[in-house]
Amino acid sequence: MSDSPATKIEREVASWPGVSVEPHRFGGVEFRVGRRELGHLHGSWLADLPFPTRIREELVTAGKAEPHHVLPKSGWVSRRIAGHHDVGAVVELFRLNYERAWTRGKDDSAVEAAATSSSVK
């Protein structure tokens, strides 16, 4: 039997240096680098990730994410997971946030460019 989309996402994100996996306070699992949350999964159906508002707007405009399902005016985004075909796109969103965690305080232009690139749909 094949692993669930959430299991595949968790395995990949947890393999990155410095990432810890913890229970999320509203259910599911949360990924952190130090004290910073990269995002969390609600089972195999939804990922929520925090971004600065300008990056969130770019991700939503590019169709890579939706406004957060509970806090649509915040920097948070949601990405629905319909099946295994969405795993790569969700992992790429976590990777974008992971790279932001390591470049914090530096020029975000590369991260912003990745937010609007066509590699994730």
PDB file of N, CA and C in Angstrom:
ATOM      1  N   MET A   1       0.837  -1.182   0.000  1.00  0.00           N
ATOM      2  CA  MET A   1       0.000   0.000   0.000  1.00  0.00           C
ATOM      3  C   MET A   1       0.882   1.246   0.000  1.00  0.00           C
ATOM      4  N   SER A   2       0.460   2.243  -0.724  1.00  0.00           N
ATOM      5  CA  SER A   2       1.205   3.491  -0.863  1.00  0.00           C
ATOM      6  C   SER A   2       1.033   4.372   0.376  1.00  0.00           C
ATOM      7  N   ASP A   3       2.083   5.132   0.696  1.00  0.00           N
ATOM      8  CA  ASP A   3       1.983   6.089   1.802  1.00  0.00           C
ATOM      9  C   ASP A   3       0.985   7.187   1.448  1.00  0.00           C
ATOM     10  N   SER A   4       0.361   7.769   2.467  1.00  0.00           N
ATOM     11  CA  SER A   4      -0.574   8.870   2.252  1.00  0.00           C
ATOM     12  C   SER A   4       0.198  10.114   1.804  1.00  0.00           C
ATOM     13  N   PRO A   5      -0.493  11.082   1.180  1.00  0.00           N
ATOM     14  CA  PRO A   5       0.181  12.329   0.830  1.00  0.00           C
ATOM     15  C   PRO A   5       0.833  12.992   2.051  1.00  0.00           C
ATOM     16  N   ALA A   6       0.139  12.991   3.189  1.00  0.00           N
ATOM     17  CA  ALA A   6       0.702  13.620   4.390  1.00  0.00           C
ATOM     18  C   ALA A   6       1.980  12.924   4.832  1.00  0.00           C
ATOM     19  N   THR A   7       2.007  11.607   4.755  1.00  0.00           N
ATOM     20  CA  THR A   7       3.207  10.861   5.144  1.00  0.00           C
ATOM     21  C   THR A   7       4.375  11.213   4.233  1.00  0.00           C
ATOM     22  N   LYS A   8       4.124  11.316   2.941  1.00  0.00           N
ATOM     23  CA  LYS A   8       5.184  11.684   1.995  1.00  0.00           C
ATOM     24  C   LYS A   8       5.699  13.096   2.264  1.00  0.00           C
ATOM     25  N   ILE A   9       4.783  14.023   2.503  1.00  0.00           N
ATOM     26  CA  ILE A   9       5.176  15.408   2.790  1.00  0.00           C
ATOM     27  C   ILE A   9       5.973  15.460   4.086  1.00  0.00           C
ATOM     28  N   GLU A  10       5.460  14.812   5.128  1.00  0.00           N
ATOM     29  CA  GLU A  10       6.146  14.821   6.422  1.00  0.00           C
ATOM     30  C   GLU A  10       7.540  14.216   6.309  1.00  0.00           C
ATOM     31  N   ARG A  11       7.667  13.115   5.619  1.00  0.00           N
ATOM     32  CA  ARG A  11       8.971  12.465   5.475  1.00  0.00           C
ATOM     33  C   ARG A  11       9.973  13.411   4.788  1.00  0.00           C
ATOM     34  N   GLU A  12       9.544  14.082   3.734  1.00  0.00           N
ATOM     35  CA  GLU A  12      10.445  14.974   2.997  1.00  0.00           C
ATOM     36  C   GLU A  12      10.841  16.191   3.836  1.00  0.00           C
ATOM     37  N   VAL A  13       9.857  16.895   4.386  1.00  0.00           N
ATOM     38  CA  VAL A  13      10.149  18.122   5.140  1.00  0.00           C
ATOM     39  C   VAL A  13      10.969  17.799   6.386  1.00  0.00           C
ATOM     40  N   ALA A  14      10.658  16.707   7.065  1.00  0.00           N
ATOM     41  CA  ALA A  14      11.397  16.319   8.274  1.00  0.00           C
ATOM     42  C   ALA A  14      12.844  15.953   7.976  1.00  0.00           C
ATOM     43  N   SER A  15      13.167  15.643   6.728  1.00  0.00           N
ATOM     44  CA  SER A  15      14.542  15.258   6.372  1.00  0.00           C
ATOM     45  C   SER A  15      15.478  16.454   6.208  1.00  0.00           C
ATOM     46  N   TRP A  16      14.944  17.669   6.183  1.00  0.00           N
ATOM     47  CA  TRP A  16      15.778  18.848   5.985  1.00  0.00           C
ATOM     48  C   TRP A  16      16.500  19.212   7.282  1.00  0.00           C
ATOM     49  N   PRO A  17      17.751  19.625   7.199  1.00  0.00           N
ATOM     50  CA  PRO A  17      18.518  19.978   8.403  1.00  0.00           C
ATOM     51  C   PRO A  17      17.806  21.040   9.249  1.00  0.00           C
ATOM     52  N   GLY A  18      17.741  20.777  10.557  1.00  0.00           N
ATOM     53  CA  GLY A  18      17.178  21.747  11.496  1.00  0.00           C
ATOM     54  C   GLY A  18      15.679  21.704  11.654  1.00  0.00           C
ATOM     55  N   VAL A  19      14.980  20.872  10.897  1.00  0.00           N
ATOM     56  CA  VAL A  19      13.515  20.816  10.972  1.00  0.00           C
ATOM     57  C   VAL A  19      13.087  19.824  12.044  1.00  0.00           C
ATOM     58  N   SER A  20      12.172  20.266  12.900  1.00  0.00           N
ATOM     59  CA  SER A  20      11.565  19.365  13.881  1.00  0.00           C
ATOM     60  C   SER A  20      10.089  19.206  13.539  1.00  0.00           C
ATOM     61  N   VAL A  21       9.529  18.076  13.931  1.00  0.00           N
ATOM     62  CA  VAL A  21       8.119  17.771  13.698  1.00  0.00           C
ATOM     63  C   VAL A  21       7.464  17.615  15.058  1.00  0.00           C
ATOM     64  N   GLU A  22       6.370  18.343  15.264  1.00  0.00           N
ATOM     65  CA  GLU A  22       5.676  18.331  16.550  1.00  0.00           C
ATOM     66  C   GLU A  22       4.178  18.249  16.314  1.00  0.00           C
ATOM     67  N   PRO A  23       3.417  17.817  17.311  1.00  0.00           N
ATOM     68  CA  PRO A  23       1.963  17.877  17.173  1.00  0.00           C
ATOM     69  C   PRO A  23       1.526  19.339  17.066  1.00  0.00           C
ATOM     70  N   HIS A  24       0.550  19.604  16.211  1.00  0.00           N
ATOM     71  CA  HIS A  24       0.020  20.962  16.077  1.00  0.00           C
ATOM     72  C   HIS A  24      -1.144  21.142  17.047  1.00  0.00           C
ATOM     73  N   ARG A  25      -1.275  22.313  17.604  1.00  0.00           N
ATOM     74  CA  ARG A  25      -2.279  22.544  18.648  1.00  0.00           C
ATOM     75  C   ARG A  25      -3.721  22.358  18.161  1.00  0.00           C
ATOM     76  N   PHE A  26      -3.957  22.475  16.843  1.00  0.00           N
ATOM     77  CA  PHE A  26      -5.306  22.267  16.310  1.00  0.00           C
ATOM     78  C   PHE A  26      -5.420  20.928  15.582  1.00  0.00           C
ATOM     79  N   GLY A  27      -4.496  20.023  15.858  1.00  0.00           N
ATOM     80  CA  GLY A  27      -4.493  18.715  15.209  1.00  0.00           C
ATOM     81  C   GLY A  27      -3.509  18.685  14.054  1.00  0.00           C
ATOM     82  N   GLY A  28      -3.078  17.521  13.699  1.00  0.00           N
ATOM     83  CA  GLY A  28      -2.107  17.380  12.624  1.00  0.00           C
ATOM     84  C   GLY A  28      -0.688  17.529  13.131  1.00  0.00           C
ATOM     85  N   VAL A  29       0.230  17.796  12.199  1.00  0.00           N
ATOM     86  CA  VAL A  29       1.640  17.946  12.553  1.00  0.00           C
ATOM     87  C   VAL A  29       2.141  19.313  12.111  1.00  0.00           C
ATOM     88  N   GLU A  30       3.105  19.803  12.877  1.00  0.00           N
ATOM     89  CA  GLU A  30       3.695  21.122  12.658  1.00  0.00           C
ATOM     90  C   GLU A  30       5.179  20.950  12.394  1.00  0.00           C
ATOM     91  N   PHE A  31       5.701  21.736  11.468  1.00  0.00           N
ATOM     92  CA  PHE A  31       7.125  21.712  11.143  1.00  0.00           C
ATOM     93  C   PHE A  31       7.744  23.012  11.613  1.00  0.00           C
ATOM     94  N   ARG A  32       8.894  22.898  12.304  1.00  0.00           N
ATOM     95  CA  ARG A  32       9.554  24.076  12.859  1.00  0.00           C
ATOM     96  C   ARG A  32      11.041  24.053  12.547  1.00  0.00           C
ATOM     97  N   VAL A  33      11.603  25.252  12.452  1.00  0.00           N
ATOM     98  CA  VAL A  33      13.056  25.451  12.452  1.00  0.00           C
ATOM     99  C   VAL A  33      13.301  26.342  13.658  1.00  0.00           C
ATOM    100  N   GLY A  34      13.879  25.769  14.703  1.00  0.00           N
ATOM    101  CA  GLY A  34      14.008  26.517  15.951  1.00  0.00           C
ATOM    102  C   GLY A  34      12.621  26.832  16.481  1.00  0.00           C
ATOM    103  N   ARG A  35      12.390  28.106  16.773  1.00  0.00           N
ATOM    104  CA  ARG A  35      11.089  28.528  17.298  1.00  0.00           C
ATOM    105  C   ARG A  35      10.121  28.942  16.198  1.00  0.00           C
ATOM    106  N   ARG A  36      10.591  28.950  14.972  1.00  0.00           N
ATOM    107  CA  ARG A  36       9.773  29.431  13.863  1.00  0.00           C
ATOM    108  C   ARG A  36       8.986  28.289  13.216  1.00  0.00           C
ATOM    109  N   GLU A  37       7.678  28.474  13.102  1.00  0.00           N
ATOM    110  CA  GLU A  37       6.848  27.485  12.423  1.00  0.00           C
ATOM    111  C   GLU A  37       6.944  27.672  10.913  1.00  0.00           C
ATOM    112  N   LEU A  38       7.258  26.595  10.213  1.00  0.00           N
ATOM    113  CA  LEU A  38       7.262  26.617   8.747  1.00  0.00           C
ATOM    114  C   LEU A  38       5.852  26.432   8.202  1.00  0.00           C
ATOM    115  N   GLY A  39       5.019  25.737   8.968  1.00  0.00           N
ATOM    116  CA  GLY A  39       3.661  25.449   8.556  1.00  0.00           C
ATOM    117  C   GLY A  39       3.209  24.153   9.192  1.00  0.00           C
ATOM    118  N   HIS A  40       2.000  23.749   8.874  1.00  0.00           N
ATOM    119  CA  HIS A  40       1.473  22.520   9.452  1.00  0.00           C
ATOM    120  C   HIS A  40       0.513  21.840   8.483  1.00  0.00           C
ATOM    121  N   LEU A  41       0.298  20.568   8.732  1.00  0.00           N
ATOM    122  CA  LEU A  41      -0.632  19.759   7.946  1.00  0.00           C
ATOM    123  C   LEU A  41      -1.838  19.396   8.794  1.00  0.00           C
ATOM    124  N   HIS A  42      -3.007  19.477   8.178  1.00  0.00           N
ATOM    125  CA  HIS A  42      -4.233  18.948   8.776  1.00  0.00           C
ATOM    126  C   HIS A  42      -4.531  17.662   8.018  1.00  0.00           C
ATOM    127  N   GLY A  43      -4.012  16.562   8.518  1.00  0.00           N
ATOM    128  CA  GLY A  43      -4.195  15.279   7.848  1.00  0.00           C
ATOM    129  C   GLY A  43      -3.616  15.305   6.446  1.00  0.00           C
ATOM    130  N   SER A  44      -4.263  14.581   5.551  1.00  0.00           N
ATOM    131  CA  SER A  44      -3.815  14.523   4.153  1.00  0.00           C
ATOM    132  C   SER A  44      -4.651  15.420   3.250  1.00  0.00           C
ATOM    133  N   TRP A  45      -5.307  16.420   3.841  1.00  0.00           N
ATOM    134  CA  TRP A  45      -6.175  17.238   3.001  1.00  0.00           C
ATOM    135  C   TRP A  45      -5.828  18.717   2.961  1.00  0.00           C
ATOM    136  N   LEU A  46      -4.995  19.228   3.890  1.00  0.00           N
ATOM    137  CA  LEU A  46      -4.756  20.671   3.917  1.00  0.00           C
ATOM    138  C   LEU A  46      -3.415  20.999   4.558  1.00  0.00           C
ATOM    139  N   ALA A  47      -2.697  21.941   3.940  1.00  0.00           N
ATOM    140  CA  ALA A  47      -1.465  22.491   4.514  1.00  0.00           C
ATOM    141  C   ALA A  47      -1.683  23.980   4.740  1.00  0.00           C
ATOM    142  N   ASP A  48      -1.219  24.496   5.868  1.00  0.00           N
ATOM    143  CA  ASP A  48      -1.265  25.923   6.188  1.00  0.00           C
ATOM    144  C   ASP A  48       0.157  26.399   6.436  1.00  0.00           C
ATOM    145  N   LEU A  49       0.519  27.537   5.819  1.00  0.00           N
ATOM    146  CA  LEU A  49       1.884  28.058   5.952  1.00  0.00           C
ATOM    147  C   LEU A  49       1.857  29.570   6.125  1.00  0.00           C
ATOM    148  N   PRO A  50       2.718  30.111   7.013  1.00  0.00           N
ATOM    149  CA  PRO A  50       2.786  31.562   7.205  1.00  0.00           C
ATOM    150  C   PRO A  50       3.835  32.195   6.281  1.00  0.00           C
ATOM    151  N   PHE A  51       3.467  33.290   5.655  1.00  0.00           N
ATOM    152  CA  PHE A  51       4.382  34.063   4.816  1.00  0.00           C
ATOM    153  C   PHE A  51       4.162  35.540   5.084  1.00  0.00           C
ATOM    154  N   PRO A  52       5.132  36.379   4.750  1.00  0.00           N
ATOM    155  CA  PRO A  52       4.859  37.818   4.748  1.00  0.00           C
ATOM    156  C   PRO A  52       3.722  38.083   3.751  1.00  0.00           C
ATOM    157  N   THR A  53       2.926  39.092   4.019  1.00  0.00           N
ATOM    158  CA  THR A  53       1.751  39.366   3.196  1.00  0.00           C
ATOM    159  C   THR A  53       2.099  39.509   1.720  1.00  0.00           C
ATOM    160  N   ARG A  54       3.208  40.152   1.395  1.00  0.00           N
ATOM    161  CA  ARG A  54       3.537  40.353  -0.025  1.00  0.00           C
ATOM    162  C   ARG A  54       3.820  39.022  -0.731  1.00  0.00           C
ATOM    163  N   ILE A  55       4.452  38.079  -0.042  1.00  0.00           N
ATOM    164  CA  ILE A  55       4.702  36.768  -0.648  1.00  0.00           C
ATOM    165  C   ILE A  55       3.401  35.982  -0.726  1.00  0.00           C
ATOM    166  N   ARG A  56       2.577  36.089   0.290  1.00  0.00           N
ATOM    167  CA  ARG A  56       1.265  35.432   0.277  1.00  0.00           C
ATOM    168  C   ARG A  56       0.462  35.895  -0.929  1.00  0.00           C
ATOM    169  N   GLU A  57       0.463  37.206  -1.187  1.00  0.00           N
ATOM    170  CA  GLU A  57      -0.282  37.741  -2.327  1.00  0.00           C
ATOM    171  C   GLU A  57       0.246  37.173  -3.640  1.00  0.00           C
ATOM    172  N   GLU A  58       1.564  37.043  -3.753  1.00  0.00           N
ATOM    173  CA  GLU A  58       2.166  36.492  -4.971  1.00  0.00           C
ATOM    174  C   GLU A  58       1.798  35.019  -5.146  1.00  0.00           C
ATOM    175  N   LEU A  59       1.822  34.267  -4.060  1.00  0.00           N
ATOM    176  CA  LEU A  59       1.465  32.846  -4.131  1.00  0.00           C
ATOM    177  C   LEU A  59       0.008  32.660  -4.543  1.00  0.00           C
ATOM    178  N   VAL A  60      -0.878  33.471  -3.975  1.00  0.00           N
ATOM    179  CA  VAL A  60      -2.303  33.376  -4.304  1.00  0.00           C
ATOM    180  C   VAL A  60      -2.529  33.792  -5.758  1.00  0.00           C
ATOM    181  N   THR A  61      -1.925  34.902  -6.172  1.00  0.00           N
ATOM    182  CA  THR A  61      -2.073  35.377  -7.550  1.00  0.00           C
ATOM    183  C   THR A  61      -1.569  34.345  -8.552  1.00  0.00           C
ATOM    184  N   ALA A  62      -0.467  33.667  -8.208  1.00  0.00           N
ATOM    185  CA  ALA A  62       0.109  32.651  -9.097  1.00  0.00           C
ATOM    186  C   ALA A  62      -0.662  31.329  -9.057  1.00  0.00           C
ATOM    187  N   GLY A  63      -1.663  31.221  -8.176  1.00  0.00           N
ATOM    188  CA  GLY A  63      -2.450  29.997  -8.087  1.00  0.00           C
ATOM    189  C   GLY A  63      -1.770  28.867  -7.335  1.00  0.00           C
ATOM    190  N   LYS A  64      -0.731  29.191  -6.580  1.00  0.00           N
ATOM    191  CA  LYS A  64       0.012  28.163  -5.842  1.00  0.00           C
ATOM    192  C   LYS A  64      -0.576  27.883  -4.468  1.00  0.00           C
ATOM    193  N   ALA A  65      -1.426  28.783  -3.996  1.00  0.00           N
ATOM    194  CA  ALA A  65      -2.049  28.641  -2.680  1.00  0.00           C
ATOM    195  C   ALA A  65      -3.321  29.478  -2.673  1.00  0.00           C
ATOM    196  N   GLU A  66      -4.095  29.307  -1.625  1.00  0.00           N
ATOM    197  CA  GLU A  66      -5.312  30.086  -1.418  1.00  0.00           C
ATOM    198  C   GLU A  66      -5.142  30.901  -0.146  1.00  0.00           C
ATOM    199  N   PRO A  67      -5.914  31.984   0.007  1.00  0.00           N
ATOM    200  CA  PRO A  67      -5.899  32.662   1.300  1.00  0.00           C
ATOM    201  C   PRO A  67      -6.232  31.648   2.396  1.00  0.00           C
ATOM    202  N   HIS A  68      -5.690  31.842   3.576  1.00  0.00           N
ATOM    203  CA  HIS A  68      -5.911  30.915   4.687  1.00  0.00           C
ATOM    204  C   HIS A  68      -7.405  30.701   4.908  1.00  0.00           C
ATOM    205  N   HIS A  69      -7.781  29.476   5.169  1.00  0.00           N
ATOM    206  CA  HIS A  69      -9.188  29.103   5.301  1.00  0.00           C
ATOM    207  C   HIS A  69      -9.880  29.734   6.497  1.00  0.00           C
ATOM    208  N   VAL A  70      -9.145  30.179   7.516  1.00  0.00           N
ATOM    209  CA  VAL A  70      -9.742  30.820   8.690  1.00  0.00           C
ATOM    210  C   VAL A  70      -9.345  32.293   8.776  1.00  0.00           C
ATOM    211  N   LEU A  71      -8.105  32.612   8.401  1.00  0.00           N
ATOM    212  CA  LEU A  71      -7.567  33.979   8.493  1.00  0.00           C
ATOM    213  C   LEU A  71      -7.201  34.493   7.098  1.00  0.00           C
ATOM    214  N   PRO A  72      -8.193  34.743   6.241  1.00  0.00           N
ATOM    215  CA  PRO A  72      -7.899  35.071   4.846  1.00  0.00           C
ATOM    216  C   PRO A  72      -7.186  36.404   4.630  1.00  0.00           C
ATOM    217  N   LYS A  73      -7.224  37.295   5.574  1.00  0.00           N
ATOM    218  CA  LYS A  73      -6.567  38.600   5.422  1.00  0.00           C
ATOM    219  C   LYS A  73      -5.149  38.616   5.983  1.00  0.00           C
ATOM    220  N   SER A  74      -4.708  37.500   6.540  1.00  0.00           N
ATOM    221  CA  SER A  74      -3.368  37.418   7.137  1.00  0.00           C
ATOM    222  C   SER A  74      -2.350  37.014   6.073  1.00  0.00           C
ATOM    223  N   GLY A  75      -1.109  36.832   6.478  1.00  0.00           N
ATOM    224  CA  GLY A  75      -0.072  36.339   5.587  1.00  0.00           C
ATOM    225  C   GLY A  75      -0.128  34.833   5.394  1.00  0.00           C
ATOM    226  N   TRP A  76      -0.960  34.162   6.164  1.00  0.00           N
ATOM    227  CA  TRP A  76      -1.065  32.701   6.064  1.00  0.00           C
ATOM    228  C   TRP A  76      -1.737  32.299   4.755  1.00  0.00           C
ATOM    229  N   VAL A  77      -1.293  31.154   4.215  1.00  0.00           N
ATOM    230  CA  VAL A  77      -1.939  30.560   3.047  1.00  0.00           C
ATOM    231  C   VAL A  77      -2.365  29.137   3.382  1.00  0.00           C
ATOM    232  N   SER A  78      -3.317  28.648   2.619  1.00  0.00           N
ATOM    233  CA  SER A  78      -3.741  27.251   2.700  1.00  0.00           C
ATOM    234  C   SER A  78      -3.535  26.624   1.331  1.00  0.00           C
ATOM    235  N   ARG A  79      -3.191  25.357   1.336  1.00  0.00           N
ATOM    236  CA  ARG A  79      -3.036  24.596   0.080  1.00  0.00           C
ATOM    237  C   ARG A  79      -3.755  23.280   0.278  1.00  0.00           C
ATOM    238  N   ARG A  80      -4.822  23.109  -0.472  1.00  0.00           N
ATOM    239  CA  ARG A  80      -5.581  21.860  -0.382  1.00  0.00           C
ATOM    240  C   ARG A  80      -4.773  20.719  -0.995  1.00  0.00           C
ATOM    241  N   ILE A  81      -4.931  19.551  -0.416  1.00  0.00           N
ATOM    242  CA  ILE A  81      -4.240  18.355  -0.893  1.00  0.00           C
ATOM    243  C   ILE A  81      -5.319  17.376  -1.356  1.00  0.00           C
ATOM    244  N   ALA A  82      -5.501  17.310  -2.667  1.00  0.00           N
ATOM    245  CA  ALA A  82      -6.539  16.439  -3.219  1.00  0.00           C
ATOM    246  C   ALA A  82      -6.043  15.009  -3.403  1.00  0.00           C
ATOM    247  N   GLY A  83      -4.729  14.841  -3.477  1.00  0.00           N
ATOM    248  CA  GLY A  83      -4.182  13.502  -3.675  1.00  0.00           C
ATOM    249  C   GLY A  83      -2.675  13.546  -3.833  1.00  0.00           C
ATOM    250  N   HIS A  84      -2.113  12.439  -4.238  1.00  0.00           N
ATOM    251  CA  HIS A  84      -0.658  12.319  -4.374  1.00  0.00           C
ATOM    252  C   HIS A  84      -0.080  13.315  -5.372  1.00  0.00           C
ATOM    253  N   HIS A  85      -0.877  13.710  -6.362  1.00  0.00           N
ATOM    254  CA  HIS A  85      -0.387  14.663  -7.359  1.00  0.00           C
ATOM    255  C   HIS A  85      -0.103  16.049  -6.768  1.00  0.00           C
ATOM    256  N   ASP A  86      -0.578  16.338  -5.565  1.00  0.00           N
ATOM    257  CA  ASP A  86      -0.338  17.635  -4.921  1.00  0.00           C
ATOM    258  C   ASP A  86       0.885  17.642  -4.008  1.00  0.00           C
ATOM    259  N   VAL A  87       1.479  16.498  -3.758  1.00  0.00           N
ATOM    260  CA  VAL A  87       2.594  16.404  -2.804  1.00  0.00           C
ATOM    261  C   VAL A  87       3.738  17.337  -3.190  1.00  0.00           C
ATOM    262  N   GLY A  88       4.169  17.321  -4.435  1.00  0.00           N
ATOM    263  CA  GLY A  88       5.294  18.151  -4.866  1.00  0.00           C
ATOM    264  C   GLY A  88       5.045  19.632  -4.666  1.00  0.00           C
ATOM    265  N   ALA A  89       3.835  20.094  -4.976  1.00  0.00           N
ATOM    266  CA  ALA A  89       3.506  21.507  -4.819  1.00  0.00           C
ATOM    267  C   ALA A  89       3.512  21.919  -3.349  1.00  0.00           C
ATOM    268  N   VAL A  90       3.004  21.046  -2.493  1.00  0.00           N
ATOM    269  CA  VAL A  90       2.989  21.349  -1.057  1.00  0.00           C
ATOM    270  C   VAL A  90       4.408  21.357  -0.502  1.00  0.00           C
ATOM    271  N   VAL A  91       5.212  20.388  -0.879  1.00  0.00           N
ATOM    272  CA  VAL A  91       6.608  20.345  -0.427  1.00  0.00           C
ATOM    273  C   VAL A  91       7.335  21.607  -0.878  1.00  0.00           C
ATOM    274  N   GLU A  92       7.065  22.067  -2.093  1.00  0.00           N
ATOM    275  CA  GLU A  92       7.739  23.272  -2.574  1.00  0.00           C
ATOM    276  C   GLU A  92       7.355  24.504  -1.750  1.00  0.00           C
ATOM    277  N   LEU A  93       6.116  24.591  -1.298  1.00  0.00           N
ATOM    278  CA  LEU A  93       5.727  25.701  -0.418  1.00  0.00           C
ATOM    279  C   LEU A  93       6.483  25.625   0.907  1.00  0.00           C
ATOM    280  N   PHE A  94       6.577  24.424   1.472  1.00  0.00           N
ATOM    281  CA  PHE A  94       7.353  24.277   2.705  1.00  0.00           C
ATOM    282  C   PHE A  94       8.817  24.629   2.452  1.00  0.00           C
ATOM    283  N   ARG A  95       9.351  24.249   1.300  1.00  0.00           N
ATOM    284  CA  ARG A  95      10.752  24.549   0.978  1.00  0.00           C
ATOM    285  C   ARG A  95      10.964  26.058   0.868  1.00  0.00           C
ATOM    286  N   LEU A  96      10.012  26.749   0.271  1.00  0.00           N
ATOM    287  CA  LEU A  96      10.087  28.204   0.160  1.00  0.00           C
ATOM    288  C   LEU A  96      10.166  28.831   1.551  1.00  0.00           C
ATOM    289  N   ASN A  97       9.341  28.355   2.467  1.00  0.00           N
ATOM    290  CA  ASN A  97       9.366  28.888   3.830  1.00  0.00           C
ATOM    291  C   ASN A  97      10.633  28.468   4.569  1.00  0.00           C
ATOM    292  N   TYR A  98      11.104  27.268   4.321  1.00  0.00           N
ATOM    293  CA  TYR A  98      12.354  26.793   4.928  1.00  0.00           C
ATOM    294  C   TYR A  98      13.522  27.677   4.498  1.00  0.00           C
ATOM    295  N   GLU A  99      13.591  27.993   3.222  1.00  0.00           N
ATOM    296  CA  GLU A  99      14.668  28.861   2.734  1.00  0.00           C
ATOM    297  C   GLU A  99      14.567  30.251   3.334  1.00  0.00           C
ATOM    298  N   ARG A 100      13.361  30.733   3.563  1.00  0.00           N
ATOM    299  CA  ARG A 100      13.181  32.028   4.234  1.00  0.00           C
ATOM    300  C   ARG A 100      13.716  31.969   5.663  1.00  0.00           C
ATOM    301  N   ALA A 101      13.526  30.829   6.327  1.00  0.00           N
ATOM    302  CA  ALA A 101      14.007  30.694   7.708  1.00  0.00           C
ATOM    303  C   ALA A 101      15.522  30.816   7.766  1.00  0.00           C
ATOM    304  N   TRP A 102      16.223  30.301   6.745  1.00  0.00           N
ATOM    305  CA  TRP A 102      17.684  30.347   6.728  1.00  0.00           C
ATOM    306  C   TRP A 102      18.229  31.664   6.205  1.00  0.00           C
ATOM    307  N   THR A 103      17.423  32.428   5.456  1.00  0.00           N
ATOM    308  CA  THR A 103      17.901  33.698   4.900  1.00  0.00           C
ATOM    309  C   THR A 103      17.291  34.892   5.612  1.00  0.00           C
ATOM    310  N   ARG A 104      16.650  34.651   6.717  1.00  0.00           N
ATOM    311  CA  ARG A 104      15.976  35.731   7.443  1.00  0.00           C
ATOM    312  C   ARG A 104      16.929  36.894   7.676  1.00  0.00           C
ATOM    313  N   GLY A 105      16.451  38.087   7.351  1.00  0.00           N
ATOM    314  CA  GLY A 105      17.263  39.282   7.522  1.00  0.00           C
ATOM    315  C   GLY A 105      18.117  39.595   6.309  1.00  0.00           C
ATOM    316  N   LYS A 106      18.117  38.686   5.333  1.00  0.00           N
ATOM    317  CA  LYS A 106      18.857  38.921   4.099  1.00  0.00           C
ATOM    318  C   LYS A 106      17.866  39.332   3.014  1.00  0.00           C
ATOM    319  N   ASP A 107      18.361  39.580   1.830  1.00  0.00           N
ATOM    320  CA  ASP A 107      17.537  39.966   0.696  1.00  0.00           C
ATOM    321  C   ASP A 107      16.555  38.846   0.357  1.00  0.00           C
ATOM    322  N   ASP A 108      15.268  39.163   0.332  1.00  0.00           N
ATOM    323  CA  ASP A 108      14.234  38.172   0.036  1.00  0.00           C
ATOM    324  C   ASP A 108      13.920  38.071  -1.449  1.00  0.00           C
ATOM    325  N   SER A 109      14.697  38.725  -2.317  1.00  0.00           N
ATOM    326  CA  SER A 109      14.343  38.745  -3.736  1.00  0.00           C
ATOM    327  C   SER A 109      14.318  37.350  -4.350  1.00  0.00           C
ATOM    328  N   ALA A 110      15.234  36.477  -3.960  1.00  0.00           N
ATOM    329  CA  ALA A 110      15.241  35.114  -4.510  1.00  0.00           C
ATOM    330  C   ALA A 110      14.011  34.344  -4.054  1.00  0.00           C
ATOM    331  N   VAL A 111      13.607  34.549  -2.811  1.00  0.00           N
ATOM    332  CA  VAL A 111      12.418  33.871  -2.297  1.00  0.00           C
ATOM    333  C   VAL A 111      11.182  34.389  -3.014  1.00  0.00           C
ATOM    334  N   GLU A 112      11.108  35.714  -3.228  1.00  0.00           N
ATOM    335  CA  GLU A 112       9.968  36.283  -3.929  1.00  0.00           C
ATOM    336  C   GLU A 112       9.911  35.777  -5.366  1.00  0.00           C
ATOM    337  N   ALA A 113      11.064  35.663  -6.014  1.00  0.00           N
ATOM    338  CA  ALA A 113      11.099  35.142  -7.384  1.00  0.00           C
ATOM    339  C   ALA A 113      10.585  33.711  -7.419  1.00  0.00           C
ATOM    340  N   ALA A 114      10.947  32.914  -6.427  1.00  0.00           N
ATOM    341  CA  ALA A 114      10.476  31.528  -6.372  1.00  0.00           C
ATOM    342  C   ALA A 114       8.968  31.475  -6.163  1.00  0.00           C
ATOM    343  N   ALA A 115       8.427  32.441  -5.440  1.00  0.00           N
ATOM    344  CA  ALA A 115       6.992  32.467  -5.180  1.00  0.00           C
ATOM    345  C   ALA A 115       6.198  32.673  -6.463  1.00  0.00           C
ATOM    346  N   THR A 116       6.784  33.347  -7.445  1.00  0.00           N
ATOM    347  CA  THR A 116       6.059  33.625  -8.674  1.00  0.00           C
ATOM    348  C   THR A 116       6.511  32.772  -9.848  1.00  0.00           C
ATOM    349  N   SER A 117       7.523  31.923  -9.639  1.00  0.00           N
ATOM    350  CA  SER A 117       7.987  31.065 -10.736  1.00  0.00           C
ATOM    351  C   SER A 117       6.909  30.049 -11.081  1.00  0.00           C
ATOM    352  N   SER A 118       7.021  29.471 -12.242  1.00  0.00           N
ATOM    353  CA  SER A 118       5.981  28.551 -12.712  1.00  0.00           C
ATOM    354  C   SER A 118       6.237  27.098 -12.347  1.00  0.00           C
ATOM    355  N   SER A 119       7.203  26.817 -11.475  1.00  0.00           N
ATOM    356  CA  SER A 119       7.528  25.421 -11.187  1.00  0.00           C
ATOM    357  C   SER A 119       6.517  24.725 -10.287  1.00  0.00           C
ATOM    358  N   VAL A 120       5.712  25.472  -9.548  1.00  0.00           N
ATOM    359  CA  VAL A 120       4.689  24.871  -8.683  1.00  0.00           C
ATOM    360  C   VAL A 120       3.333  25.318  -9.169  1.00  0.00           C
ATOM    361  N   LYS A 121       2.440  24.374  -9.295  1.00  0.00           N
ATOM    362  CA  LYS A 121       1.077  24.716  -9.716  1.00  0.00           C
ATOM    363  C   LYS A 121       0.086  24.064  -8.813  1.00  0.00           C
TER     364      LYS A 121
END
